[in-house]
Amino acid sequence: MRVLVALIGLLLSLSAVAADPVRVAVAANFAKPLETLVALYRRDHPDADIETTVASTGKLAAQIRRGAPFDIFLAADARRPRELDDEGLGVAGSRRVYAMGRLALWSKQSGLDLGPELLKSGDVSPLALANPRLAPYGAAGQAVIDHLGLPDSVDIVQGENVGQAWHYASSGAARAGFVAFSQVRGAGGSLWLPDPALYPPIEQQSLLLKDRPAARDFYEFLATEAAGERIEQAGYGLAPR
């Protein structure tokens, strides 16, 4: 009888493990493209259970270090996945570039000649920016600001991540905001794409954190040609293959 009870307990335990969702920690700029990729994946895996947590790259990395139960990390930079990999918090050999980001300055107001001259005039204020210490797109935007040398009269509205920076710009709390091109592609309004030479390359890396079958299967899907096509359609570049 005791053997039967133990066997039932083991089977229930294994069933619970198998039913665990794949938990993906994703940088705010890639939240929408990830929704598209999850939907594409579910065409062939209708029972796939994938949960996403959206935040700044820096905040997600801190949560992973504290033991957050994520399976996959989709960062907005290369530094945090590299650091976590070096600390032994990822599956060896799994780190890779999944997208190359593009910085954009965007305003919901149409007809603005967004660009260096308007920025340096001080007329683009308030200006939304993700926290440069936590968010790579914030660091990229700050690099452009530092290069141009904006007047002190420009008010900076800082969000924790690029999703908040976009919210400030789209709600009118800021006249414009430095965001990811993928967030505003086809959104109307006014747009300026700064020369990539003005900011550090936004090499977005991923890391498999737990090597269990469901997580690895979805992680490998993200590197397929079909997924790459969707990533490019969302406004990103791909790493050379």
Protein backbone atom coordinates (compact mmCIF):
# COMPACT_ATOMS: atom_id res chain seq x y z
CA MET A 1 0.00 0.00 0.00
CA ARG A 2 2.81 2.37 0.91
CA VAL A 3 4.49 1.61 -2.42
CA LEU A 4 1.26 2.44 -4.27
CA VAL A 5 0.86 5.74 -2.40
CA ALA A 6 4.47 6.66 -3.13
CA LEU A 7 4.00 5.81 -6.82
CA ILE A 8 0.87 7.93 -7.06
CA GLY A 9 2.70 10.81 -5.39
CA LEU A 10 5.57 10.50 -7.83
CA LEU A 11 3.23 10.47 -10.83
CA LEU A 12 1.40 13.54 -9.54
CA SER A 13 4.71 15.30 -9.00
CA LEU A 14 5.89 14.50 -12.53
CA SER A 15 2.55 15.64 -13.94
CA ALA A 16 2.84 18.96 -12.13
CA VAL A 17 6.35 19.50 -13.49
CA ALA A 18 5.24 18.68 -17.02
CA ALA A 19 2.36 21.13 -16.69
CA ASP A 20 4.55 24.02 -15.58
CA PRO A 21 4.29 26.91 -18.04
CA VAL A 22 7.29 28.19 -19.94
CA ARG A 23 8.09 31.48 -18.21
CA VAL A 24 9.71 34.12 -20.40
CA ALA A 25 11.26 37.29 -19.00
CA VAL A 26 11.18 39.82 -21.83
CA ALA A 27 12.46 43.38 -22.17
CA ALA A 28 9.66 45.91 -22.68
CA ASN A 29 10.60 46.77 -26.26
CA PHE A 30 10.11 43.15 -27.38
CA ALA A 31 6.81 42.46 -25.61
CA LYS A 32 4.57 42.94 -28.66
CA PRO A 33 6.77 40.98 -31.10
CA LEU A 34 6.88 38.17 -28.55
CA GLU A 35 3.08 38.02 -28.54
CA THR A 36 3.21 37.46 -32.29
CA LEU A 37 5.85 34.78 -31.93
CA VAL A 38 3.90 32.96 -29.22
CA ALA A 39 0.81 32.95 -31.45
CA LEU A 40 2.87 31.56 -34.33
CA TYR A 41 4.36 28.86 -32.11
CA ARG A 42 0.93 27.81 -30.88
CA ARG A 43 -0.19 27.00 -34.42
CA ASP A 44 1.88 23.83 -34.20
CA HIS A 45 1.78 23.55 -30.40
CA PRO A 46 -1.84 24.42 -29.47
CA ASP A 47 -1.41 23.26 -25.88
CA ALA A 48 1.71 25.33 -25.23
CA ASP A 49 1.49 27.28 -21.98
CA ILE A 50 3.77 30.31 -22.18
CA GLU A 51 3.77 33.09 -19.59
CA THR A 52 5.58 36.39 -20.08
CA THR A 53 6.88 38.93 -17.60
CA VAL A 54 7.63 42.36 -19.08
CA ALA A 55 10.04 44.83 -17.46
CA SER A 56 13.31 46.63 -18.05
CA THR A 57 16.33 44.47 -18.80
CA GLY A 58 18.10 45.58 -15.63
CA LYS A 59 15.11 44.80 -13.42
CA LEU A 60 14.62 41.36 -14.98
CA ALA A 61 18.31 40.51 -14.55
CA ALA A 62 18.06 41.45 -10.87
CA GLN A 63 15.01 39.21 -10.45
CA ILE A 64 16.83 36.30 -12.09
CA ARG A 65 19.72 36.73 -9.65
CA ARG A 66 17.23 36.63 -6.79
CA GLY A 67 15.87 33.30 -8.03
CA ALA A 68 12.82 34.30 -10.06
CA PRO A 69 11.49 31.14 -11.77
CA PHE A 70 12.06 32.19 -15.39
CA ASP A 71 12.96 29.71 -18.12
CA ILE A 72 14.03 32.15 -20.84
CA PHE A 73 15.49 35.67 -20.75
CA LEU A 74 15.00 37.95 -23.77
CA ALA A 75 17.05 41.03 -22.94
CA ALA A 76 17.43 44.37 -24.69
CA ASP A 77 21.20 44.26 -24.47
CA ALA A 78 24.14 41.87 -24.54
CA ARG A 79 25.66 42.76 -21.17
CA ARG A 80 23.08 41.29 -18.80
CA PRO A 81 22.77 37.89 -20.51
CA ARG A 82 26.57 37.71 -20.69
CA GLU A 83 26.90 38.51 -16.99
CA LEU A 84 24.25 35.97 -16.01
CA ASP A 85 25.89 33.38 -18.25
CA ASP A 86 29.28 34.07 -16.65
CA GLU A 87 27.68 33.67 -13.21
CA GLY A 88 26.40 30.22 -14.15
CA LEU A 89 22.74 31.24 -14.16
CA GLY A 90 22.09 30.13 -17.74
CA VAL A 91 22.37 26.93 -19.73
CA ALA A 92 25.91 26.70 -21.10
CA GLY A 93 26.15 27.50 -24.79
CA SER A 94 22.60 28.86 -25.09
CA ARG A 95 23.32 32.60 -25.17
CA ARG A 96 22.80 34.23 -28.58
CA VAL A 97 21.67 37.39 -30.39
CA TYR A 98 17.99 37.18 -31.26
CA ALA A 99 17.45 40.73 -32.56
CA MET A 100 19.27 43.96 -33.38
CA GLY A 101 17.36 46.94 -32.04
CA ARG A 102 16.79 50.32 -33.68
CA LEU A 103 16.30 53.54 -31.73
CA ALA A 104 13.57 55.98 -32.75
CA LEU A 105 12.43 59.42 -31.65
CA TRP A 106 8.64 59.51 -31.98
CA SER A 107 5.81 61.94 -31.36
CA LYS A 108 2.11 61.31 -31.75
CA GLN A 109 1.88 64.83 -33.24
CA SER A 110 2.00 64.74 -37.04
CA GLY A 111 4.00 67.17 -39.13
CA LEU A 112 6.95 67.66 -36.78
CA ASP A 113 10.36 67.79 -38.40
CA LEU A 114 11.91 65.65 -35.69
CA GLY A 115 15.67 65.56 -35.79
CA PRO A 116 18.83 67.23 -34.48
CA GLU A 117 17.84 70.80 -35.26
CA LEU A 118 14.46 70.64 -33.55
CA LEU A 119 15.95 68.87 -30.54
CA LYS A 120 18.75 71.40 -30.17
CA SER A 121 16.24 74.24 -30.41
CA GLY A 122 14.65 73.09 -27.16
CA ASP A 123 11.18 72.84 -28.70
CA VAL A 124 10.86 69.11 -28.05
CA SER A 125 9.97 69.23 -24.37
CA PRO A 126 9.09 67.31 -22.29
CA LEU A 127 11.14 64.51 -23.80
CA ALA A 128 10.53 60.93 -22.68
CA LEU A 129 13.42 58.56 -22.07
CA ALA A 130 13.77 55.14 -20.45
CA ASN A 131 16.09 54.95 -17.46
CA PRO A 132 19.59 54.77 -19.02
CA ARG A 133 20.91 52.74 -16.08
CA LEU A 134 18.31 49.98 -16.53
CA ALA A 135 17.15 50.10 -20.14
CA PRO A 136 19.45 49.82 -23.19
CA TYR A 137 17.12 51.96 -25.28
CA GLY A 138 17.36 54.58 -22.56
CA ALA A 139 21.16 54.39 -22.74
CA ALA A 140 20.96 54.74 -26.53
CA GLY A 141 18.68 57.76 -26.26
CA GLN A 142 20.95 59.33 -23.66
CA ALA A 143 23.91 58.86 -25.99
CA VAL A 144 22.08 60.79 -28.72
CA ILE A 145 21.16 63.54 -26.25
CA ASP A 146 24.75 63.81 -25.06
CA HIS A 147 26.01 63.97 -28.63
CA LEU A 148 23.60 66.73 -29.62
CA GLY A 149 23.95 68.75 -26.42
CA LEU A 150 20.33 69.75 -25.71
CA PRO A 151 19.60 73.00 -23.85
CA ASP A 152 18.91 72.86 -20.12
CA SER A 153 15.35 74.05 -20.77
CA VAL A 154 14.39 70.60 -22.10
CA ASP A 155 12.55 68.60 -19.45
CA ILE A 156 13.29 64.87 -19.44
CA VAL A 157 10.45 62.56 -18.37
CA GLN A 158 12.12 59.31 -17.37
CA GLY A 159 10.39 55.94 -17.39
CA GLU A 160 11.65 52.73 -15.87
CA ASN A 161 11.68 51.04 -19.27
CA VAL A 162 11.07 51.81 -22.93
CA GLY A 163 7.43 50.76 -22.56
CA GLN A 164 6.88 53.59 -20.09
CA ALA A 165 8.76 56.02 -22.34
CA TRP A 166 6.40 55.11 -25.16
CA HIS A 167 3.41 55.56 -22.83
CA TYR A 168 4.53 59.08 -21.93
CA ALA A 169 4.89 60.00 -25.60
CA SER A 170 1.66 58.34 -26.74
CA SER A 171 -0.41 59.83 -23.91
CA GLY A 172 0.86 63.36 -24.48
CA ALA A 173 2.69 63.52 -21.15
CA ALA A 174 5.79 64.09 -23.29
CA ARG A 175 5.95 65.82 -26.65
CA ALA A 176 8.17 63.05 -28.00
CA GLY A 177 10.10 60.09 -26.71
CA PHE A 178 13.12 57.96 -27.49
CA VAL A 179 11.64 54.49 -28.00
CA ALA A 180 12.21 51.31 -29.97
CA PHE A 181 11.40 51.60 -33.67
CA SER A 182 9.40 48.38 -33.32
CA GLN A 183 6.99 50.14 -30.93
CA VAL A 184 6.03 52.89 -33.36
CA ARG A 185 6.49 51.36 -36.79
CA GLY A 186 3.40 52.29 -38.78
CA ALA A 187 1.91 54.24 -35.86
CA GLY A 188 1.65 57.59 -37.66
CA GLY A 189 2.70 60.79 -35.95
CA SER A 190 6.24 62.06 -36.50
CA LEU A 191 9.36 59.92 -36.55
CA TRP A 192 13.12 60.32 -36.63
CA LEU A 193 15.53 57.40 -36.80
CA PRO A 194 18.87 58.57 -35.41
CA ASP A 195 21.99 57.42 -37.21
CA PRO A 196 23.06 54.18 -35.48
CA ALA A 197 26.56 55.68 -35.26
CA LEU A 198 25.19 58.05 -32.58
CA TYR A 199 24.49 55.32 -30.04
CA PRO A 200 25.92 51.97 -28.93
CA PRO A 201 24.68 48.99 -30.95
CA ILE A 202 21.53 47.53 -29.42
CA GLU A 203 22.43 43.87 -29.61
CA GLN A 204 19.57 42.04 -27.93
CA GLN A 205 20.66 38.70 -26.54
CA SER A 206 18.71 35.79 -25.13
CA LEU A 207 19.62 33.14 -22.58
CA LEU A 208 18.02 29.81 -21.75
CA LEU A 209 17.85 29.67 -17.98
CA LYS A 210 16.40 26.21 -17.42
CA ASP A 211 17.04 23.24 -19.67
CA ARG A 212 13.68 21.50 -19.62
CA PRO A 213 12.04 20.21 -22.82
CA ALA A 214 9.16 22.68 -23.13
CA ALA A 215 11.44 25.68 -22.53
CA ARG A 216 14.16 24.46 -24.88
CA ASP A 217 11.64 23.73 -27.63
CA PHE A 218 10.25 27.27 -27.55
CA TYR A 219 13.75 28.72 -27.23
CA GLU A 220 14.90 26.86 -30.34
CA PHE A 221 11.78 28.02 -32.19
CA LEU A 222 12.83 31.64 -31.58
CA ALA A 223 15.94 30.98 -33.70
CA THR A 224 14.05 29.53 -36.68
CA GLU A 225 13.71 31.24 -40.04
CA ALA A 226 9.95 31.66 -39.50
CA ALA A 227 10.53 33.47 -36.21
CA GLY A 228 13.27 35.59 -37.79
CA GLU A 229 10.88 36.79 -40.47
CA ARG A 230 8.44 38.01 -37.82
CA ILE A 231 11.23 39.69 -35.90
CA GLU A 232 12.33 41.60 -39.01
CA GLN A 233 8.71 42.54 -39.78
CA ALA A 234 8.49 44.05 -36.29
CA GLY A 235 11.29 46.49 -37.09
CA TYR A 236 14.42 44.70 -35.89
CA GLY A 237 17.51 43.44 -37.63
CA LEU A 238 18.90 39.95 -37.29
CA ALA A 239 22.41 38.92 -36.37
CA PRO A 240 24.48 37.63 -39.31
CA ARG A 241 24.10 33.88 -39.62
